Amino acid sequence: MKELVNFIATSLVDQPQAVQITETIQEEEVLVELRVAKEDLGKVIGKQGRTARAIRALLSVAAAKQNRKARLEIIE
């Protein structure tokens, strides 16, 4: 799941080298923390949070295939 979020985030931002992703796996839940450059934060969140919502939806589908739940946190 880390690879999925990495692919999406690096495709959206102007500074892909600044993308940092941390994945924490607990029993049935995966926590993915995404950090990007301050200038790119708006691109990852999108208008009214639409892009972030879409990334979370894709992450949930990928997690469901592995019988897990996923949570995405975008950190400033």
PDB file of N, CA and C in Angstrom:
ATOM      1  N   MET A   1       0.813  -1.185   0.000  1.00  0.00           N
ATOM      2  CA  MET A   1       0.000   0.000   0.000  1.00  0.00           C
ATOM      3  C   MET A   1       0.862   1.257   0.000  1.00  0.00           C
ATOM      4  N   LYS A   2       2.010   1.126   0.601  1.00  0.00           N
ATOM      5  CA  LYS A   2       2.952   2.240   0.602  1.00  0.00           C
ATOM      6  C   LYS A   2       3.345   2.605  -0.831  1.00  0.00           C
ATOM      7  N   GLU A   3       3.524   1.591  -1.662  1.00  0.00           N
ATOM      8  CA  GLU A   3       3.915   1.813  -3.052  1.00  0.00           C
ATOM      9  C   GLU A   3       2.804   2.518  -3.830  1.00  0.00           C
ATOM     10  N   LEU A   4       1.566   2.164  -3.542  1.00  0.00           N
ATOM     11  CA  LEU A   4       0.425   2.790  -4.217  1.00  0.00           C
ATOM     12  C   LEU A   4       0.363   4.275  -3.898  1.00  0.00           C
ATOM     13  N   VAL A   5       0.452   4.618  -2.625  1.00  0.00           N
ATOM     14  CA  VAL A   5       0.395   6.021  -2.215  1.00  0.00           C
ATOM     15  C   VAL A   5       1.604   6.775  -2.764  1.00  0.00           C
ATOM     16  N   ASN A   6       2.765   6.131  -2.770  1.00  0.00           N
ATOM     17  CA  ASN A   6       3.972   6.756  -3.306  1.00  0.00           C
ATOM     18  C   ASN A   6       3.799   7.076  -4.794  1.00  0.00           C
ATOM     19  N   PHE A   7       3.274   6.149  -5.557  1.00  0.00           N
ATOM     20  CA  PHE A   7       3.064   6.358  -6.990  1.00  0.00           C
ATOM     21  C   PHE A   7       2.113   7.531  -7.239  1.00  0.00           C
ATOM     22  N   ILE A   8       1.010   7.554  -6.513  1.00  0.00           N
ATOM     23  CA  ILE A   8       0.019   8.613  -6.706  1.00  0.00           C
ATOM     24  C   ILE A   8       0.596   9.967  -6.293  1.00  0.00           C
ATOM     25  N   ALA A   9       1.226  10.023  -5.130  1.00  0.00           N
ATOM     26  CA  ALA A   9       1.734  11.297  -4.612  1.00  0.00           C
ATOM     27  C   ALA A   9       2.843  11.857  -5.492  1.00  0.00           C
ATOM     28  N   THR A  10       3.777  11.013  -5.917  1.00  0.00           N
ATOM     29  CA  THR A  10       4.876  11.514  -6.750  1.00  0.00           C
ATOM     30  C   THR A  10       4.373  11.963  -8.121  1.00  0.00           C
ATOM     31  N   SER A  11       3.274  11.399  -8.572  1.00  0.00           N
ATOM     32  CA  SER A  11       2.700  11.818  -9.851  1.00  0.00           C
ATOM     33  C   SER A  11       2.016  13.181  -9.750  1.00  0.00           C
ATOM     34  N   LEU A  12       1.558  13.539  -8.563  1.00  0.00           N
ATOM     35  CA  LEU A  12       0.812  14.780  -8.380  1.00  0.00           C
ATOM     36  C   LEU A  12       1.687  15.998  -8.076  1.00  0.00           C
ATOM     37  N   VAL A  13       2.791  15.804  -7.391  1.00  0.00           N
ATOM     38  CA  VAL A  13       3.559  16.935  -6.856  1.00  0.00           C
ATOM     39  C   VAL A  13       4.645  17.420  -7.815  1.00  0.00           C
ATOM     40  N   ASP A  14       5.127  18.639  -7.545  1.00  0.00           N
ATOM     41  CA  ASP A  14       6.225  19.210  -8.322  1.00  0.00           C
ATOM     42  C   ASP A  14       7.584  18.760  -7.796  1.00  0.00           C
ATOM     43  N   GLN A  15       7.643  18.405  -6.517  1.00  0.00           N
ATOM     44  CA  GLN A  15       8.896  17.976  -5.896  1.00  0.00           C
ATOM     45  C   GLN A  15       8.766  16.526  -5.412  1.00  0.00           C
ATOM     46  N   PRO A  16       8.855  15.559  -6.316  1.00  0.00           N
ATOM     47  CA  PRO A  16       8.663  14.165  -5.909  1.00  0.00           C
ATOM     48  C   PRO A  16       9.738  13.658  -4.946  1.00  0.00           C
ATOM     49  N   GLN A  17      10.910  14.280  -4.933  1.00  0.00           N
ATOM     50  CA  GLN A  17      11.966  13.847  -4.027  1.00  0.00           C
ATOM     51  C   GLN A  17      11.627  14.185  -2.573  1.00  0.00           C
ATOM     52  N   ALA A  18      10.687  15.095  -2.341  1.00  0.00           N
ATOM     53  CA  ALA A  18      10.301  15.491  -0.986  1.00  0.00           C
ATOM     54  C   ALA A  18       9.195  14.602  -0.400  1.00  0.00           C
ATOM     55  N   VAL A  19       8.674  13.687  -1.180  1.00  0.00           N
ATOM     56  CA  VAL A  19       7.607  12.808  -0.704  1.00  0.00           C
ATOM     57  C   VAL A  19       8.189  11.781   0.263  1.00  0.00           C
ATOM     58  N   GLN A  20       7.587  11.711   1.449  1.00  0.00           N
ATOM     59  CA  GLN A  20       7.991  10.730   2.464  1.00  0.00           C
ATOM     60  C   GLN A  20       6.753   9.976   2.917  1.00  0.00           C
ATOM     61  N   ILE A  21       6.863   8.661   2.944  1.00  0.00           N
ATOM     62  CA  ILE A  21       5.723   7.833   3.328  1.00  0.00           C
ATOM     63  C   ILE A  21       6.162   6.859   4.405  1.00  0.00           C
ATOM     64  N   THR A  22       5.368   6.814   5.474  1.00  0.00           N
ATOM     65  CA  THR A  22       5.612   5.878   6.569  1.00  0.00           C
ATOM     66  C   THR A  22       4.405   4.961   6.669  1.00  0.00           C
ATOM     67  N   GLU A  23       4.669   3.669   6.714  1.00  0.00           N
ATOM     68  CA  GLU A  23       3.581   2.686   6.804  1.00  0.00           C
ATOM     69  C   GLU A  23       3.712   1.927   8.118  1.00  0.00           C
ATOM     70  N   THR A  24       2.641   1.943   8.905  1.00  0.00           N
ATOM     71  CA  THR A  24       2.607   1.224  10.172  1.00  0.00           C
ATOM     72  C   THR A  24       1.504   0.183  10.089  1.00  0.00           C
ATOM     73  N   ILE A  25       1.881  -1.076  10.252  1.00  0.00           N
ATOM     74  CA  ILE A  25       0.906  -2.161  10.157  1.00  0.00           C
ATOM     75  C   ILE A  25       0.585  -2.668  11.556  1.00  0.00           C
ATOM     76  N   GLN A  26      -0.696  -2.594  11.891  1.00  0.00           N
ATOM     77  CA  GLN A  26      -1.178  -3.163  13.133  1.00  0.00           C
ATOM     78  C   GLN A  26      -2.104  -4.300  12.748  1.00  0.00           C
ATOM     79  N   GLU A  27      -2.605  -5.026  13.672  1.00  0.00           N
ATOM     80  CA  GLU A  27      -3.374  -6.247  13.423  1.00  0.00           C
ATOM     81  C   GLU A  27      -4.152  -6.233  12.098  1.00  0.00           C
ATOM     82  N   GLU A  28      -5.229  -5.502  12.039  1.00  0.00           N
ATOM     83  CA  GLU A  28      -6.035  -5.474  10.811  1.00  0.00           C
ATOM     84  C   GLU A  28      -6.104  -4.087  10.204  1.00  0.00           C
ATOM     85  N   GLU A  29      -5.232  -3.188  10.648  1.00  0.00           N
ATOM     86  CA  GLU A  29      -5.275  -1.824  10.157  1.00  0.00           C
ATOM     87  C   GLU A  29      -3.891  -1.378   9.705  1.00  0.00           C
ATOM     88  N   VAL A  30      -3.879  -0.635   8.621  1.00  0.00           N
ATOM     89  CA  VAL A  30      -2.633  -0.086   8.094  1.00  0.00           C
ATOM     90  C   VAL A  30      -2.746   1.434   8.147  1.00  0.00           C
ATOM     91  N   LEU A  31      -1.770   2.061   8.777  1.00  0.00           N
ATOM     92  CA  LEU A  31      -1.720   3.516   8.851  1.00  0.00           C
ATOM     93  C   LEU A  31      -0.626   3.996   7.915  1.00  0.00           C
ATOM     94  N   VAL A  32      -1.008   4.824   6.953  1.00  0.00           N
ATOM     95  CA  VAL A  32      -0.047   5.372   5.996  1.00  0.00           C
ATOM     96  C   VAL A  32       0.026   6.873   6.233  1.00  0.00           C
ATOM     97  N   GLU A  33       1.226   7.355   6.556  1.00  0.00           N
ATOM     98  CA  GLU A  33       1.440   8.779   6.776  1.00  0.00           C
ATOM     99  C   GLU A  33       2.169   9.343   5.566  1.00  0.00           C
ATOM    100  N   LEU A  34       1.638  10.412   5.011  1.00  0.00           N
ATOM    101  CA  LEU A  34       2.192  11.029   3.810  1.00  0.00           C
ATOM    102  C   LEU A  34       2.677  12.435   4.135  1.00  0.00           C
ATOM    103  N   ARG A  35       3.930  12.685   3.816  1.00  0.00           N
ATOM    104  CA  ARG A  35       4.507  14.022   3.975  1.00  0.00           C
ATOM    105  C   ARG A  35       4.989  14.501   2.611  1.00  0.00           C
ATOM    106  N   VAL A  36       4.633  15.743   2.275  1.00  0.00           N
ATOM    107  CA  VAL A  36       5.087  16.357   1.025  1.00  0.00           C
ATOM    108  C   VAL A  36       5.598  17.756   1.346  1.00  0.00           C
ATOM    109  N   ALA A  37       6.231  18.388   0.372  1.00  0.00           N
ATOM    110  CA  ALA A  37       6.696  19.757   0.546  1.00  0.00           C
ATOM    111  C   ALA A  37       5.491  20.678   0.761  1.00  0.00           C
ATOM    112  N   LYS A  38       5.704  21.756   1.512  1.00  0.00           N
ATOM    113  CA  LYS A  38       4.598  22.675   1.811  1.00  0.00           C
ATOM    114  C   LYS A  38       3.948  23.226   0.547  1.00  0.00           C
ATOM    115  N   GLU A  39       4.753  23.453  -0.480  1.00  0.00           N
ATOM    116  CA  GLU A  39       4.215  23.997  -1.725  1.00  0.00           C
ATOM    117  C   GLU A  39       3.294  23.005  -2.427  1.00  0.00           C
ATOM    118  N   ASP A  40       3.486  21.716  -2.188  1.00  0.00           N
ATOM    119  CA  ASP A  40       2.715  20.676  -2.862  1.00  0.00           C
ATOM    120  C   ASP A  40       1.532  20.168  -2.041  1.00  0.00           C
ATOM    121  N   LEU A  41       1.378  20.667  -0.841  1.00  0.00           N
ATOM    122  CA  LEU A  41       0.314  20.176   0.037  1.00  0.00           C
ATOM    123  C   LEU A  41      -1.065  20.361  -0.586  1.00  0.00           C
ATOM    124  N   GLY A  42      -1.290  21.492  -1.230  1.00  0.00           N
ATOM    125  CA  GLY A  42      -2.580  21.751  -1.866  1.00  0.00           C
ATOM    126  C   GLY A  42      -2.878  20.819  -3.018  1.00  0.00           C
ATOM    127  N   LYS A  43      -1.837  20.380  -3.716  1.00  0.00           N
ATOM    128  CA  LYS A  43      -2.034  19.458  -4.840  1.00  0.00           C
ATOM    129  C   LYS A  43      -2.450  18.078  -4.358  1.00  0.00           C
ATOM    130  N   VAL A  44      -1.939  17.670  -3.205  1.00  0.00           N
ATOM    131  CA  VAL A  44      -2.276  16.352  -2.668  1.00  0.00           C
ATOM    132  C   VAL A  44      -3.671  16.367  -2.041  1.00  0.00           C
ATOM    133  N   ILE A  45      -4.040  17.491  -1.443  1.00  0.00           N
ATOM    134  CA  ILE A  45      -5.358  17.585  -0.821  1.00  0.00           C
ATOM    135  C   ILE A  45      -6.429  17.862  -1.869  1.00  0.00           C
ATOM    136  N   GLY A  46      -6.171  18.774  -2.793  1.00  0.00           N
ATOM    137  CA  GLY A  46      -7.128  19.074  -3.856  1.00  0.00           C
ATOM    138  C   GLY A  46      -8.217  20.028  -3.400  1.00  0.00           C
ATOM    139  N   LYS A  47      -9.029  20.454  -4.349  1.00  0.00           N
ATOM    140  CA  LYS A  47     -10.129  21.359  -4.030  1.00  0.00           C
ATOM    141  C   LYS A  47     -11.147  20.645  -3.157  1.00  0.00           C
ATOM    142  N   GLN A  48     -11.439  21.264  -2.024  1.00  0.00           N
ATOM    143  CA  GLN A  48     -12.393  20.727  -1.044  1.00  0.00           C
ATOM    144  C   GLN A  48     -12.036  19.301  -0.616  1.00  0.00           C
ATOM    145  N   GLY A  49     -10.773  18.930  -0.724  1.00  0.00           N
ATOM    146  CA  GLY A  49     -10.325  17.617  -0.267  1.00  0.00           C
ATOM    147  C   GLY A  49     -10.658  16.472  -1.202  1.00  0.00           C
ATOM    148  N   ARG A  50     -11.001  16.777  -2.431  1.00  0.00           N
ATOM    149  CA  ARG A  50     -11.412  15.722  -3.375  1.00  0.00           C
ATOM    150  C   ARG A  50     -10.275  14.769  -3.715  1.00  0.00           C
ATOM    151  N   THR A  51      -9.084  15.300  -3.935  1.00  0.00           N
ATOM    152  CA  THR A  51      -7.951  14.437  -4.288  1.00  0.00           C
ATOM    153  C   THR A  51      -7.594  13.531  -3.118  1.00  0.00           C
ATOM    154  N   ALA A  52      -7.564  14.091  -1.922  1.00  0.00           N
ATOM    155  CA  ALA A  52      -7.262  13.290  -0.734  1.00  0.00           C
ATOM    156  C   ALA A  52      -8.316  12.197  -0.533  1.00  0.00           C
ATOM    157  N   ARG A  53      -9.565  12.547  -0.775  1.00  0.00           N
ATOM    158  CA  ARG A  53     -10.644  11.561  -0.648  1.00  0.00           C
ATOM    159  C   ARG A  53     -10.489  10.436  -1.665  1.00  0.00           C
ATOM    160  N   ALA A  54     -10.067  10.788  -2.877  1.00  0.00           N
ATOM    161  CA  ALA A  54      -9.877   9.777  -3.921  1.00  0.00           C
ATOM    162  C   ALA A  54      -8.708   8.854  -3.575  1.00  0.00           C
ATOM    163  N   ILE A  55      -7.629   9.424  -3.046  1.00  0.00           N
ATOM    164  CA  ILE A  55      -6.479   8.600  -2.639  1.00  0.00           C
ATOM    165  C   ILE A  55      -6.897   7.660  -1.521  1.00  0.00           C
ATOM    166  N   ARG A  56      -7.674   8.171  -0.564  1.00  0.00           N
ATOM    167  CA  ARG A  56      -8.149   7.326   0.544  1.00  0.00           C
ATOM    168  C   ARG A  56      -9.054   6.198   0.037  1.00  0.00           C
ATOM    169  N   ALA A  57      -9.871   6.490  -0.963  1.00  0.00           N
ATOM    170  CA  ALA A  57     -10.757   5.464  -1.522  1.00  0.00           C
ATOM    171  C   ALA A  57      -9.942   4.357  -2.192  1.00  0.00           C
ATOM    172  N   LEU A  58      -8.940   4.736  -2.973  1.00  0.00           N
ATOM    173  CA  LEU A  58      -8.083   3.734  -3.608  1.00  0.00           C
ATOM    174  C   LEU A  58      -7.332   2.905  -2.575  1.00  0.00           C
ATOM    175  N   LEU A  59      -6.873   3.561  -1.527  1.00  0.00           N
ATOM    176  CA  LEU A  59      -6.161   2.867  -0.463  1.00  0.00           C
ATOM    177  C   LEU A  59      -7.075   1.880   0.257  1.00  0.00           C
ATOM    178  N   SER A  60      -8.321   2.270   0.467  1.00  0.00           N
ATOM    179  CA  SER A  60      -9.284   1.380   1.115  1.00  0.00           C
ATOM    180  C   SER A  60      -9.567   0.146   0.272  1.00  0.00           C
ATOM    181  N   VAL A  61      -9.657   0.320  -1.033  1.00  0.00           N
ATOM    182  CA  VAL A  61      -9.896  -0.818  -1.925  1.00  0.00           C
ATOM    183  C   VAL A  61      -8.695  -1.779  -1.893  1.00  0.00           C
ATOM    184  N   ALA A  62      -7.487  -1.221  -1.930  1.00  0.00           N
ATOM    185  CA  ALA A  62      -6.288  -2.062  -1.875  1.00  0.00           C
ATOM    186  C   ALA A  62      -6.201  -2.803  -0.545  1.00  0.00           C
ATOM    187  N   ALA A  63      -6.585  -2.147   0.534  1.00  0.00           N
ATOM    188  CA  ALA A  63      -6.560  -2.785   1.851  1.00  0.00           C
ATOM    189  C   ALA A  63      -7.628  -3.869   1.959  1.00  0.00           C
ATOM    190  N   ALA A  64      -8.787  -3.625   1.366  1.00  0.00           N
ATOM    191  CA  ALA A  64      -9.874  -4.604   1.427  1.00  0.00           C
ATOM    192  C   ALA A  64      -9.486  -5.907   0.744  1.00  0.00           C
ATOM    193  N   LYS A  65      -8.672  -5.825  -0.291  1.00  0.00           N
ATOM    194  CA  LYS A  65      -8.206  -7.036  -0.969  1.00  0.00           C
ATOM    195  C   LYS A  65      -7.340  -7.892  -0.052  1.00  0.00           C
ATOM    196  N   GLN A  66      -6.730  -7.246   0.950  1.00  0.00           N
ATOM    197  CA  GLN A  66      -5.886  -7.965   1.901  1.00  0.00           C
ATOM    198  C   GLN A  66      -6.609  -8.183   3.232  1.00  0.00           C
ATOM    199  N   ASN A  67      -7.929  -7.978   3.227  1.00  0.00           N
ATOM    200  CA  ASN A  67      -8.755  -8.124   4.429  1.00  0.00           C
ATOM    201  C   ASN A  67      -8.266  -7.242   5.570  1.00  0.00           C
ATOM    202  N   ARG A  68      -7.951  -6.012   5.249  1.00  0.00           N
ATOM    203  CA  ARG A  68      -7.500  -5.043   6.245  1.00  0.00           C
ATOM    204  C   ARG A  68      -8.227  -3.731   6.035  1.00  0.00           C
ATOM    205  N   LYS A  69      -8.037  -2.839   6.971  1.00  0.00           N
ATOM    206  CA  LYS A  69      -8.542  -1.474   6.846  1.00  0.00           C
ATOM    207  C   LYS A  69      -7.333  -0.570   6.727  1.00  0.00           C
ATOM    208  N   ALA A  70      -7.487   0.530   6.016  1.00  0.00           N
ATOM    209  CA  ALA A  70      -6.374   1.448   5.815  1.00  0.00           C
ATOM    210  C   ALA A  70      -6.798   2.865   6.183  1.00  0.00           C
ATOM    211  N   ARG A  71      -5.828   3.603   6.679  1.00  0.00           N
ATOM    212  CA  ARG A  71      -6.051   5.001   7.034  1.00  0.00           C
ATOM    213  C   ARG A  71      -4.912   5.821   6.486  1.00  0.00           C
ATOM    214  N   LEU A  72      -5.221   6.922   5.842  1.00  0.00           N
ATOM    215  CA  LEU A  72      -4.217   7.817   5.284  1.00  0.00           C
ATOM    216  C   LEU A  72      -4.234   9.124   6.056  1.00  0.00           C
ATOM    217  N   GLU A  73      -3.057   9.519   6.535  1.00  0.00           N
ATOM    218  CA  GLU A  73      -2.917  10.817   7.210  1.00  0.00           C
ATOM    219  C   GLU A  73      -1.934  11.644   6.392  1.00  0.00           C
ATOM    220  N   ILE A  74      -2.376  12.834   6.023  1.00  0.00           N
ATOM    221  CA  ILE A  74      -1.504  13.752   5.291  1.00  0.00           C
ATOM    222  C   ILE A  74      -0.957  14.735   6.326  1.00  0.00           C
ATOM    223  N   ILE A  75       0.341  14.716   6.503  1.00  0.00           N
ATOM    224  CA  ILE A  75       0.994  15.497   7.546  1.00  0.00           C
ATOM    225  C   ILE A  75       1.715  16.690   6.941  1.00  0.00           C
ATOM    226  N   GLU A  76       1.529  17.845   7.558  1.00  0.00           N
ATOM    227  CA  GLU A  76       2.187  19.061   7.062  1.00  0.00           C
ATOM    228  C   GLU A  76       3.655  19.053   7.420  1.00  0.00           C
TER     229      GLU A  76
END
